[in-house]
Amino acid sequence: MNEQINRADWYNPAEAAARLTANSGKKVDTAYLRTLARYGKITTLKLGDRASLYSKKDVDAYVVEGRGDKTNRIKRQAALSKGKGKGGKKSEDKAVA
């Protein structure tokens, strides 16, 4: 039952928070790591009731965005893609009329 853990593949909470802070350019607290783990964004390894390790692969790839940044980016992309299909047709109609 005693499995060997390759410590090189995991961050402790302080290391993971520091790495996310460096990735994102904004302060990330260890409490936010637990939230990301609860949402399934970062893989964790529970060592007990009060200790966890965080996957380096997941933490290194994750970038924390500001509140609403992702939603606004998605809305802008959707608006741009809608505008591409309509723009050419209107100018052709005006030229014919």
N, C-alpha and C. Protein backbone atom coordinates (compact mmCIF):
# COMPACT_ATOMS: atom_id res chain seq x y z
N MET A 1 0.81 -1.20 0.00
CA MET A 1 0.00 0.00 0.00
C MET A 1 0.85 1.26 0.00
N ASN A 2 2.11 1.16 0.36
CA ASN A 2 3.00 2.32 0.35
C ASN A 2 3.53 2.54 -1.06
N GLU A 3 2.96 3.54 -1.74
CA GLU A 3 3.40 3.87 -3.09
C GLU A 3 4.50 4.92 -3.01
N GLN A 4 5.43 4.83 -3.94
CA GLN A 4 6.48 5.83 -4.03
C GLN A 4 5.97 6.98 -4.89
N ILE A 5 6.18 8.19 -4.43
CA ILE A 5 5.77 9.37 -5.16
C ILE A 5 7.01 10.04 -5.73
N ASN A 6 6.97 10.32 -7.02
CA ASN A 6 8.07 11.06 -7.63
C ASN A 6 7.85 12.54 -7.33
N ARG A 7 8.55 13.04 -6.34
CA ARG A 7 8.35 14.41 -5.85
C ARG A 7 8.62 15.45 -6.95
N ALA A 8 9.39 15.09 -7.95
CA ALA A 8 9.71 16.01 -9.04
C ALA A 8 8.47 16.33 -9.90
N ASP A 9 7.43 15.51 -9.82
CA ASP A 9 6.21 15.71 -10.61
C ASP A 9 5.13 16.51 -9.89
N TRP A 10 5.40 16.94 -8.65
CA TRP A 10 4.38 17.57 -7.82
C TRP A 10 4.90 18.83 -7.14
N TYR A 11 4.01 19.81 -6.95
CA TYR A 11 4.30 21.01 -6.17
C TYR A 11 3.59 20.91 -4.83
N ASN A 12 4.22 21.46 -3.78
CA ASN A 12 3.49 21.64 -2.54
C ASN A 12 2.64 22.91 -2.71
N PRO A 13 1.73 23.21 -1.80
CA PRO A 13 0.83 24.37 -2.01
C PRO A 13 1.57 25.70 -2.19
N ALA A 14 2.60 25.95 -1.43
CA ALA A 14 3.33 27.22 -1.55
C ALA A 14 4.04 27.32 -2.90
N GLU A 15 4.63 26.24 -3.35
CA GLU A 15 5.31 26.23 -4.65
C GLU A 15 4.30 26.42 -5.79
N ALA A 16 3.15 25.75 -5.69
CA ALA A 16 2.13 25.85 -6.73
C ALA A 16 1.57 27.27 -6.80
N ALA A 17 1.32 27.89 -5.65
CA ALA A 17 0.82 29.26 -5.63
C ALA A 17 1.85 30.21 -6.23
N ALA A 18 3.12 30.01 -5.91
CA ALA A 18 4.18 30.86 -6.47
C ALA A 18 4.26 30.70 -7.99
N ARG A 19 4.11 29.48 -8.47
CA ARG A 19 4.18 29.23 -9.92
C ARG A 19 2.99 29.86 -10.64
N LEU A 20 1.78 29.73 -10.08
CA LEU A 20 0.60 30.35 -10.68
C LEU A 20 0.72 31.87 -10.66
N THR A 21 1.30 32.41 -9.60
CA THR A 21 1.53 33.85 -9.53
C THR A 21 2.46 34.29 -10.65
N ALA A 22 3.53 33.53 -10.88
CA ALA A 22 4.48 33.85 -11.94
C ALA A 22 3.83 33.71 -13.32
N ASN A 23 3.00 32.69 -13.52
CA ASN A 23 2.32 32.46 -14.80
C ASN A 23 1.32 33.56 -15.11
N SER A 24 0.65 34.06 -14.08
CA SER A 24 -0.49 34.94 -14.28
C SER A 24 -0.18 36.42 -14.10
N GLY A 25 0.89 36.72 -13.39
CA GLY A 25 1.20 38.12 -13.11
C GLY A 25 0.32 38.73 -12.05
N LYS A 26 -0.39 37.90 -11.31
CA LYS A 26 -1.22 38.38 -10.20
C LYS A 26 -1.07 37.42 -9.04
N LYS A 27 -1.25 37.92 -7.83
CA LYS A 27 -1.07 37.12 -6.62
C LYS A 27 -2.13 36.03 -6.56
N VAL A 28 -1.66 34.79 -6.39
CA VAL A 28 -2.56 33.64 -6.26
C VAL A 28 -2.33 33.02 -4.89
N ASP A 29 -3.39 32.84 -4.15
CA ASP A 29 -3.34 32.29 -2.79
C ASP A 29 -3.51 30.77 -2.83
N THR A 30 -3.05 30.10 -1.79
CA THR A 30 -3.20 28.65 -1.72
C THR A 30 -4.67 28.23 -1.66
N ALA A 31 -5.52 29.09 -1.13
CA ALA A 31 -6.95 28.77 -1.09
C ALA A 31 -7.52 28.64 -2.51
N TYR A 32 -7.02 29.46 -3.43
CA TYR A 32 -7.48 29.37 -4.81
C TYR A 32 -7.04 28.06 -5.45
N LEU A 33 -5.90 27.53 -5.05
CA LEU A 33 -5.46 26.22 -5.54
C LEU A 33 -6.47 25.14 -5.18
N ARG A 34 -6.94 25.19 -3.95
CA ARG A 34 -7.94 24.21 -3.52
C ARG A 34 -9.21 24.33 -4.34
N THR A 35 -9.59 25.57 -4.69
CA THR A 35 -10.77 25.78 -5.52
C THR A 35 -10.56 25.19 -6.91
N LEU A 36 -9.40 25.44 -7.50
CA LEU A 36 -9.09 24.88 -8.82
C LEU A 36 -9.12 23.35 -8.78
N ALA A 37 -8.60 22.78 -7.71
CA ALA A 37 -8.60 21.33 -7.55
C ALA A 37 -10.03 20.81 -7.41
N ARG A 38 -10.85 21.52 -6.66
CA ARG A 38 -12.24 21.10 -6.47
C ARG A 38 -13.00 21.13 -7.79
N TYR A 39 -12.70 22.10 -8.66
CA TYR A 39 -13.34 22.19 -9.98
C TYR A 39 -12.72 21.26 -11.01
N GLY A 40 -11.66 20.55 -10.63
CA GLY A 40 -11.04 19.59 -11.54
C GLY A 40 -10.07 20.21 -12.53
N LYS A 41 -9.66 21.45 -12.31
CA LYS A 41 -8.72 22.12 -13.22
C LYS A 41 -7.28 21.69 -12.98
N ILE A 42 -6.98 21.29 -11.74
CA ILE A 42 -5.63 20.88 -11.36
C ILE A 42 -5.74 19.54 -10.62
N THR A 43 -4.90 18.60 -11.00
CA THR A 43 -4.88 17.28 -10.36
C THR A 43 -4.16 17.38 -9.01
N THR A 44 -4.74 16.74 -8.00
CA THR A 44 -4.13 16.75 -6.67
C THR A 44 -3.83 15.34 -6.22
N LEU A 45 -2.92 15.27 -5.28
CA LEU A 45 -2.59 14.02 -4.62
C LEU A 45 -2.76 14.28 -3.13
N LYS A 46 -3.79 13.69 -2.53
CA LYS A 46 -4.05 13.89 -1.11
C LYS A 46 -3.09 13.05 -0.29
N LEU A 47 -2.39 13.71 0.62
CA LEU A 47 -1.47 13.01 1.52
C LEU A 47 -2.10 12.75 2.88
N GLY A 48 -3.21 13.35 3.12
CA GLY A 48 -3.92 13.21 4.38
C GLY A 48 -5.08 14.18 4.38
N ASP A 49 -5.66 14.39 5.57
CA ASP A 49 -6.79 15.31 5.66
C ASP A 49 -6.38 16.75 5.39
N ARG A 50 -5.15 17.11 5.70
CA ARG A 50 -4.74 18.51 5.62
C ARG A 50 -3.59 18.77 4.66
N ALA A 51 -3.17 17.78 3.92
CA ALA A 51 -2.01 17.97 3.03
C ALA A 51 -2.31 17.44 1.63
N SER A 52 -1.92 18.24 0.64
CA SER A 52 -2.10 17.86 -0.75
C SER A 52 -0.89 18.30 -1.55
N LEU A 53 -0.67 17.60 -2.65
CA LEU A 53 0.33 18.01 -3.63
C LEU A 53 -0.42 18.30 -4.93
N TYR A 54 0.16 19.19 -5.75
CA TYR A 54 -0.49 19.62 -6.98
C TYR A 54 0.39 19.26 -8.17
N SER A 55 -0.21 18.71 -9.21
CA SER A 55 0.50 18.25 -10.40
C SER A 55 1.24 19.40 -11.08
N LYS A 56 2.54 19.24 -11.28
CA LYS A 56 3.33 20.27 -11.95
C LYS A 56 2.83 20.50 -13.38
N LYS A 57 2.48 19.43 -14.05
CA LYS A 57 2.00 19.54 -15.44
C LYS A 57 0.78 20.45 -15.51
N ASP A 58 -0.17 20.26 -14.61
CA ASP A 58 -1.40 21.05 -14.60
C ASP A 58 -1.15 22.49 -14.16
N VAL A 59 -0.36 22.67 -13.11
CA VAL A 59 -0.09 24.00 -12.58
C VAL A 59 0.70 24.83 -13.60
N ASP A 60 1.70 24.23 -14.22
CA ASP A 60 2.52 24.96 -15.19
C ASP A 60 1.71 25.43 -16.40
N ALA A 61 0.69 24.67 -16.78
CA ALA A 61 -0.11 24.99 -17.96
C ALA A 61 -1.24 25.98 -17.67
N TYR A 62 -1.60 26.17 -16.41
CA TYR A 62 -2.76 26.99 -16.06
C TYR A 62 -2.37 28.46 -15.89
N VAL A 63 -3.20 29.35 -16.43
CA VAL A 63 -3.01 30.79 -16.26
C VAL A 63 -4.29 31.37 -15.67
N VAL A 64 -4.16 32.05 -14.56
CA VAL A 64 -5.32 32.66 -13.90
C VAL A 64 -5.64 33.97 -14.62
N GLU A 65 -6.90 34.12 -15.05
CA GLU A 65 -7.35 35.34 -15.72
C GLU A 65 -8.15 36.17 -14.73
N GLY A 66 -8.25 37.45 -15.00
CA GLY A 66 -9.05 38.34 -14.17
C GLY A 66 -10.52 38.01 -14.27
N ARG A 67 -11.29 38.49 -13.31
CA ARG A 67 -12.73 38.24 -13.31
C ARG A 67 -13.35 38.82 -14.57
N GLY A 68 -14.05 37.99 -15.31
CA GLY A 68 -14.75 38.44 -16.50
C GLY A 68 -13.90 38.46 -17.76
N ASP A 69 -12.59 38.30 -17.65
CA ASP A 69 -11.72 38.35 -18.83
C ASP A 69 -12.06 37.26 -19.84
N LYS A 70 -12.26 36.05 -19.35
CA LYS A 70 -12.56 34.94 -20.24
C LYS A 70 -13.91 35.13 -20.92
N THR A 71 -14.91 35.54 -20.15
CA THR A 71 -16.25 35.77 -20.69
C THR A 71 -16.22 36.86 -21.75
N ASN A 72 -15.51 37.96 -21.46
CA ASN A 72 -15.43 39.05 -22.42
C ASN A 72 -14.71 38.62 -23.69
N ARG A 73 -13.66 37.84 -23.56
CA ARG A 73 -12.91 37.35 -24.73
C ARG A 73 -13.80 36.48 -25.60
N ILE A 74 -14.58 35.60 -24.98
CA ILE A 74 -15.48 34.71 -25.72
C ILE A 74 -16.56 35.52 -26.44
N LYS A 75 -17.11 36.54 -25.76
CA LYS A 75 -18.12 37.38 -26.39
C LYS A 75 -17.56 38.15 -27.58
N ARG A 76 -16.33 38.68 -27.45
CA ARG A 76 -15.70 39.40 -28.56
C ARG A 76 -15.47 38.48 -29.75
N GLN A 77 -15.00 37.26 -29.47
CA GLN A 77 -14.76 36.30 -30.56
C GLN A 77 -16.06 35.93 -31.26
N ALA A 78 -17.12 35.76 -30.50
CA ALA A 78 -18.41 35.41 -31.09
C ALA A 78 -18.93 36.57 -31.94
N ALA A 79 -18.76 37.80 -31.46
CA ALA A 79 -19.22 38.97 -32.22
C ALA A 79 -18.42 39.12 -33.51
N LEU A 80 -17.13 38.88 -33.45
CA LEU A 80 -16.29 38.98 -34.64
C LEU A 80 -16.67 37.92 -35.67
N SER A 81 -16.93 36.71 -35.22
CA SER A 81 -17.29 35.64 -36.16
C SER A 81 -18.66 35.90 -36.79
N LYS A 82 -19.58 36.52 -36.06
CA LYS A 82 -20.89 36.86 -36.63
C LYS A 82 -20.75 37.98 -37.66
N GLY A 83 -19.90 38.95 -37.38
CA GLY A 83 -19.72 40.08 -38.27
C GLY A 83 -19.08 39.71 -39.59
N LYS A 84 -18.27 38.69 -39.62
CA LYS A 84 -17.60 38.27 -40.86
C LYS A 84 -18.60 37.77 -41.88
N GLY A 85 -19.61 37.05 -41.46
CA GLY A 85 -20.57 36.47 -42.39
C GLY A 85 -21.53 37.49 -42.96
N LYS A 86 -21.83 38.56 -42.22
CA LYS A 86 -22.83 39.53 -42.66
C LYS A 86 -22.23 40.69 -43.44
N GLY A 87 -21.00 41.05 -43.17
CA GLY A 87 -20.41 42.27 -43.73
C GLY A 87 -20.38 42.29 -45.24
N GLY A 88 -19.95 41.24 -45.91
CA GLY A 88 -19.82 41.22 -47.36
C GLY A 88 -21.16 41.27 -48.07
N LYS A 89 -22.16 40.66 -47.54
CA LYS A 89 -23.47 40.58 -48.17
C LYS A 89 -24.14 41.95 -48.23
N LYS A 90 -24.06 42.74 -47.17
CA LYS A 90 -24.71 44.03 -47.12
C LYS A 90 -24.12 44.98 -48.15
N SER A 91 -22.81 44.97 -48.30
CA SER A 91 -22.19 45.89 -49.26
C SER A 91 -22.57 45.52 -50.69
N GLU A 92 -22.76 44.25 -50.99
CA GLU A 92 -23.18 43.84 -52.32
C GLU A 92 -24.60 44.29 -52.61
N ASP A 93 -25.49 44.20 -51.60
CA ASP A 93 -26.88 44.61 -51.77
C ASP A 93 -26.97 46.11 -52.06
N LYS A 94 -26.15 46.91 -51.39
CA LYS A 94 -26.19 48.35 -51.58
C LYS A 94 -25.68 48.71 -52.97
N ALA A 95 -24.70 48.01 -53.47
CA ALA A 95 -24.14 48.32 -54.78
C ALA A 95 -25.16 48.03 -55.90
N VAL A 96 -25.96 46.99 -55.74
CA VAL A 96 -26.93 46.61 -56.75
C VAL A 96 -28.10 47.58 -56.75
N ALA A 97 -28.53 48.01 -55.59
CA ALA A 97 -29.70 48.90 -55.48
C ALA A 97 -29.36 50.25 -55.96
